[in-house]
PDB file of N, CA and C in Angstrom:
ATOM      1  N   MET A   1     114.639  91.835  49.167  1.00  0.00           N
ATOM      2  CA  MET A   1     114.060  91.332  50.274  1.00  0.00           C
ATOM      3  C   MET A   1     114.853  92.109  51.700  1.00  0.00           C
ATOM      4  N   SER A   2     116.638  91.942  51.759  1.00  0.00           N
ATOM      5  CA  SER A   2     116.774  92.673  52.607  1.00  0.00           C
ATOM      6  C   SER A   2     116.735  94.269  52.414  1.00  0.00           C
ATOM      7  N   LEU A   3     116.605  94.848  51.117  1.00  0.00           N
ATOM      8  CA  LEU A   3     116.378  96.398  50.983  1.00  0.00           C
ATOM      9  C   LEU A   3     115.246  96.944  52.291  1.00  0.00           C
ATOM     10  N   ILE A   4     114.009  95.774  51.649  1.00  0.00           N
ATOM     11  CA  ILE A   4     112.584  96.468  52.492  1.00  0.00           C
ATOM     12  C   ILE A   4     112.859  96.228  54.238  1.00  0.00           C
ATOM     13  N   THR A   5     113.883  95.299  54.698  1.00  0.00           N
ATOM     14  CA  THR A   5     113.756  95.318  55.590  1.00  0.00           C
ATOM     15  C   THR A   5     114.712  95.909  56.280  1.00  0.00           C
ATOM     16  N   SER A   6     115.583  96.610  55.805  1.00  0.00           N
ATOM     17  CA  SER A   6     116.328  97.684  56.055  1.00  0.00           C
ATOM     18  C   SER A   6     115.664  99.056  56.136  1.00  0.00           C
ATOM     19  N   THR A   7     114.704  98.863  55.100  1.00  0.00           N
ATOM     20  CA  THR A   7     114.272 100.721  55.278  1.00  0.00           C
ATOM     21  C   THR A   7     112.721 100.443  56.346  1.00  0.00           C
ATOM     22  N   ILE A   8     112.627  99.538  56.611  1.00  0.00           N
ATOM     23  CA  ILE A   8     111.599  99.211  57.244  1.00  0.00           C
ATOM     24  C   ILE A   8     112.300  99.637  58.834  1.00  0.00           C
ATOM     25  N   GLY A   9     113.287  99.167  58.918  1.00  0.00           N
ATOM     26  CA  GLY A   9     113.989  99.118  60.381  1.00  0.00           C
ATOM     27  C   GLY A   9     114.591 100.653  60.493  1.00  0.00           C
ATOM     28  N   GLN A  10     115.100 101.310  59.325  1.00  0.00           N
ATOM     29  CA  GLN A  10     115.467 102.490  59.448  1.00  0.00           C
ATOM     30  C   GLN A  10     114.420 103.980  59.743  1.00  0.00           C
ATOM     31  N   GLY A  11     113.260 103.359  59.278  1.00  0.00           N
ATOM     32  CA  GLY A  11     112.132 104.184  59.096  1.00  0.00           C
ATOM     33  C   GLY A  11     111.694 104.117  60.663  1.00  0.00           C
ATOM     34  N   LEU A  12     111.871 103.030  61.065  1.00  0.00           N
ATOM     35  CA  LEU A  12     110.900 103.120  62.713  1.00  0.00           C
ATOM     36  C   LEU A  12     112.378 103.693  63.573  1.00  0.00           C
ATOM     37  N   LEU A  13     113.108 103.806  63.331  1.00  0.00           N
ATOM     38  CA  LEU A  13     114.302 104.277  64.327  1.00  0.00           C
ATOM     39  C   LEU A  13     114.395 105.813  64.264  1.00  0.00           C
ATOM     40  N   TRP A  14     113.515 106.648  62.901  1.00  0.00           N
ATOM     41  CA  TRP A  14     113.806 107.528  62.619  1.00  0.00           C
ATOM     42  C   TRP A  14     112.476 107.971  63.499  1.00  0.00           C
ATOM     43  N   GLY A  15     111.025 107.353  63.128  1.00  0.00           N
ATOM     44  CA  GLY A  15     110.239 107.157  63.653  1.00  0.00           C
ATOM     45  C   GLY A  15     110.190 107.709  65.701  1.00  0.00           C
ATOM     46  N   VAL A  16     110.949 107.274  66.288  1.00  0.00           N
ATOM     47  CA  VAL A  16     111.634 106.837  67.545  1.00  0.00           C
ATOM     48  C   VAL A  16     111.950 108.432  68.093  1.00  0.00           C
ATOM     49  N   LEU A  17     112.800 108.374  67.074  1.00  0.00           N
ATOM     50  CA  LEU A  17     113.523 110.327  66.892  1.00  0.00           C
ATOM     51  C   LEU A  17     112.488 111.524  67.003  1.00  0.00           C
ATOM     52  N   ALA A  18     111.304 111.065  65.569  1.00  0.00           N
ATOM     53  CA  ALA A  18     110.657 112.211  66.039  1.00  0.00           C
ATOM     54  C   ALA A  18     109.361 112.451  66.653  1.00  0.00           C
ATOM     55  N   LEU A  19     109.466 110.999  66.876  1.00  0.00           N
ATOM     56  CA  LEU A  19     108.487 111.091  68.253  1.00  0.00           C
ATOM     57  C   LEU A  19     108.946 111.781  69.777  1.00  0.00           C
ATOM     58  N   GLY A  20     110.285 111.610  69.977  1.00  0.00           N
ATOM     59  CA  GLY A  20     110.980 112.180  71.352  1.00  0.00           C
ATOM     60  C   GLY A  20     111.059 113.656  70.798  1.00  0.00           C
ATOM     61  N   LEU A  21     111.158 113.930  69.781  1.00  0.00           N
ATOM     62  CA  LEU A  21     111.165 116.001  69.340  1.00  0.00           C
ATOM     63  C   LEU A  21     109.580 116.335  69.338  1.00  0.00           C
ATOM     64  N   PHE A  22     108.708 115.300  69.003  1.00  0.00           N
ATOM     65  CA  PHE A  22     107.251 116.088  69.134  1.00  0.00           C
ATOM     66  C   PHE A  22     107.189 116.006  70.316  1.00  0.00           C
ATOM     67  N   LEU A  23     107.733 115.236  71.416  1.00  0.00           N
ATOM     68  CA  LEU A  23     107.315 115.072  72.993  1.00  0.00           C
ATOM     69  C   LEU A  23     108.220 116.449  73.698  1.00  0.00           C
ATOM     70  N   THR A  24     109.367 116.685  72.852  1.00  0.00           N
ATOM     71  CA  THR A  24     109.950 118.148  73.646  1.00  0.00           C
ATOM     72  C   THR A  24     109.177 119.255  73.470  1.00  0.00           C
ATOM     73  N   PHE A  25     109.309 118.843  72.066  1.00  0.00           N
ATOM     74  CA  PHE A  25     108.865 120.547  71.956  1.00  0.00           C
ATOM     75  C   PHE A  25     107.398 120.831  71.812  1.00  0.00           C
ATOM     76  N   ARG A  26     106.435 119.552  71.809  1.00  0.00           N
ATOM     77  CA  ARG A  26     105.028 120.150  71.685  1.00  0.00           C
ATOM     78  C   ARG A  26     104.143 120.042  73.041  1.00  0.00           C
ATOM     79  N   ILE A  27     104.635 118.828  73.383  1.00  0.00           N
ATOM     80  CA  ILE A  27     103.836 118.662  74.493  1.00  0.00           C
ATOM     81  C   ILE A  27     104.284 119.410  75.729  1.00  0.00           C
ATOM     82  N   LEU A  28     105.526 119.055  76.128  1.00  0.00           N
ATOM     83  CA  LEU A  28     106.252 119.311  76.914  1.00  0.00           C
ATOM     84  C   LEU A  28     106.514 121.244  77.565  1.00  0.00           C
ATOM     85  N   ASN A  29     106.439 121.480  76.046  1.00  0.00           N
ATOM     86  CA  ASN A  29     106.828 123.119  75.923  1.00  0.00           C
ATOM     87  C   ASN A  29     108.266 123.035  76.587  1.00  0.00           C
ATOM     88  N   PHE A  30     109.064 122.229  75.957  1.00  0.00           N
ATOM     89  CA  PHE A  30     110.478 122.527  76.577  1.00  0.00           C
ATOM     90  C   PHE A  30     111.541 121.931  75.284  1.00  0.00           C
ATOM     91  N   PRO A  31     112.101 123.277  74.474  1.00  0.00           N
ATOM     92  CA  PRO A  31     112.700 122.489  73.862  1.00  0.00           C
ATOM     93  C   PRO A  31     114.272 121.746  74.547  1.00  0.00           C
ATOM     94  N   ASP A  32     114.326 120.250  73.738  1.00  0.00           N
ATOM     95  CA  ASP A  32     115.355 119.591  74.530  1.00  0.00           C
ATOM     96  C   ASP A  32     116.523 119.662  73.731  1.00  0.00           C
ATOM     97  N   MET A  33     117.320 120.087  73.570  1.00  0.00           N
ATOM     98  CA  MET A  33     118.672 119.885  72.412  1.00  0.00           C
ATOM     99  C   MET A  33     119.603 119.034  72.637  1.00  0.00           C
ATOM    100  N   THR A  34     119.316 117.911  73.678  1.00  0.00           N
ATOM    101  CA  THR A  34     119.954 116.689  73.909  1.00  0.00           C
ATOM    102  C   THR A  34     119.740 115.986  72.615  1.00  0.00           C
ATOM    103  N   VAL A  35     118.594 115.747  71.810  1.00  0.00           N
ATOM    104  CA  VAL A  35     118.229 114.649  71.515  1.00  0.00           C
ATOM    105  C   VAL A  35     119.005 115.163  69.827  1.00  0.00           C
ATOM    106  N   GLU A  36     118.444 116.518  69.865  1.00  0.00           N
ATOM    107  CA  GLU A  36     119.252 116.546  68.305  1.00  0.00           C
ATOM    108  C   GLU A  36     120.901 116.708  68.156  1.00  0.00           C
ATOM    109  N   GLY A  37     121.642 116.782  69.058  1.00  0.00           N
ATOM    110  CA  GLY A  37     123.169 117.130  69.486  1.00  0.00           C
ATOM    111  C   GLY A  37     123.744 115.396  69.477  1.00  0.00           C
ATOM    112  N   THR A  38     122.616 115.062  70.029  1.00  0.00           N
ATOM    113  CA  THR A  38     123.630 113.918  70.323  1.00  0.00           C
ATOM    114  C   THR A  38     123.486 112.451  68.896  1.00  0.00           C
ATOM    115  N   PHE A  39     122.069 112.595  68.680  1.00  0.00           N
ATOM    116  CA  PHE A  39     121.711 111.877  67.383  1.00  0.00           C
ATOM    117  C   PHE A  39     123.087 111.927  66.431  1.00  0.00           C
ATOM    118  N   PRO A  40     123.197 112.987  65.587  1.00  0.00           N
ATOM    119  CA  PRO A  40     124.535 113.136  64.373  1.00  0.00           C
ATOM    120  C   PRO A  40     125.650 112.880  65.353  1.00  0.00           C
ATOM    121  N   PHE A  41     125.717 113.322  66.522  1.00  0.00           N
ATOM    122  CA  PHE A  41     127.308 113.491  66.699  1.00  0.00           C
ATOM    123  C   PHE A  41     127.378 111.979  67.144  1.00  0.00           C
ATOM    124  N   SER A  42     126.903 111.258  67.577  1.00  0.00           N
ATOM    125  CA  SER A  42     127.643 109.802  68.059  1.00  0.00           C
ATOM    126  C   SER A  42     127.623 109.023  67.190  1.00  0.00           C
ATOM    127  N   ALA A  43     127.276 109.198  65.819  1.00  0.00           N
ATOM    128  CA  ALA A  43     127.502 108.327  64.691  1.00  0.00           C
ATOM    129  C   ALA A  43     129.031 108.697  64.253  1.00  0.00           C
ATOM    130  N   TRP A  44     129.669 109.151  64.536  1.00  0.00           N
ATOM    131  CA  TRP A  44     131.304 109.734  63.783  1.00  0.00           C
ATOM    132  C   TRP A  44     131.658 109.561  65.104  1.00  0.00           C
ATOM    133  N   ARG A  45     131.384 109.131  66.550  1.00  0.00           N
ATOM    134  CA  ARG A  45     132.610 108.932  67.766  1.00  0.00           C
ATOM    135  C   ARG A  45     132.802 107.280  67.356  1.00  0.00           C
TER     136      ARG A  45
END
């Protein structure tokens, strides 16, 4: 049960990231690199 909860939580987080990328690239037509840069680099900080 814990694995299912963890998987759903992680999927929701990745979904928010994908939505942010979609908004900046497709709708605003402005490639905002802060989303891509801060997400992986904040993990090892």
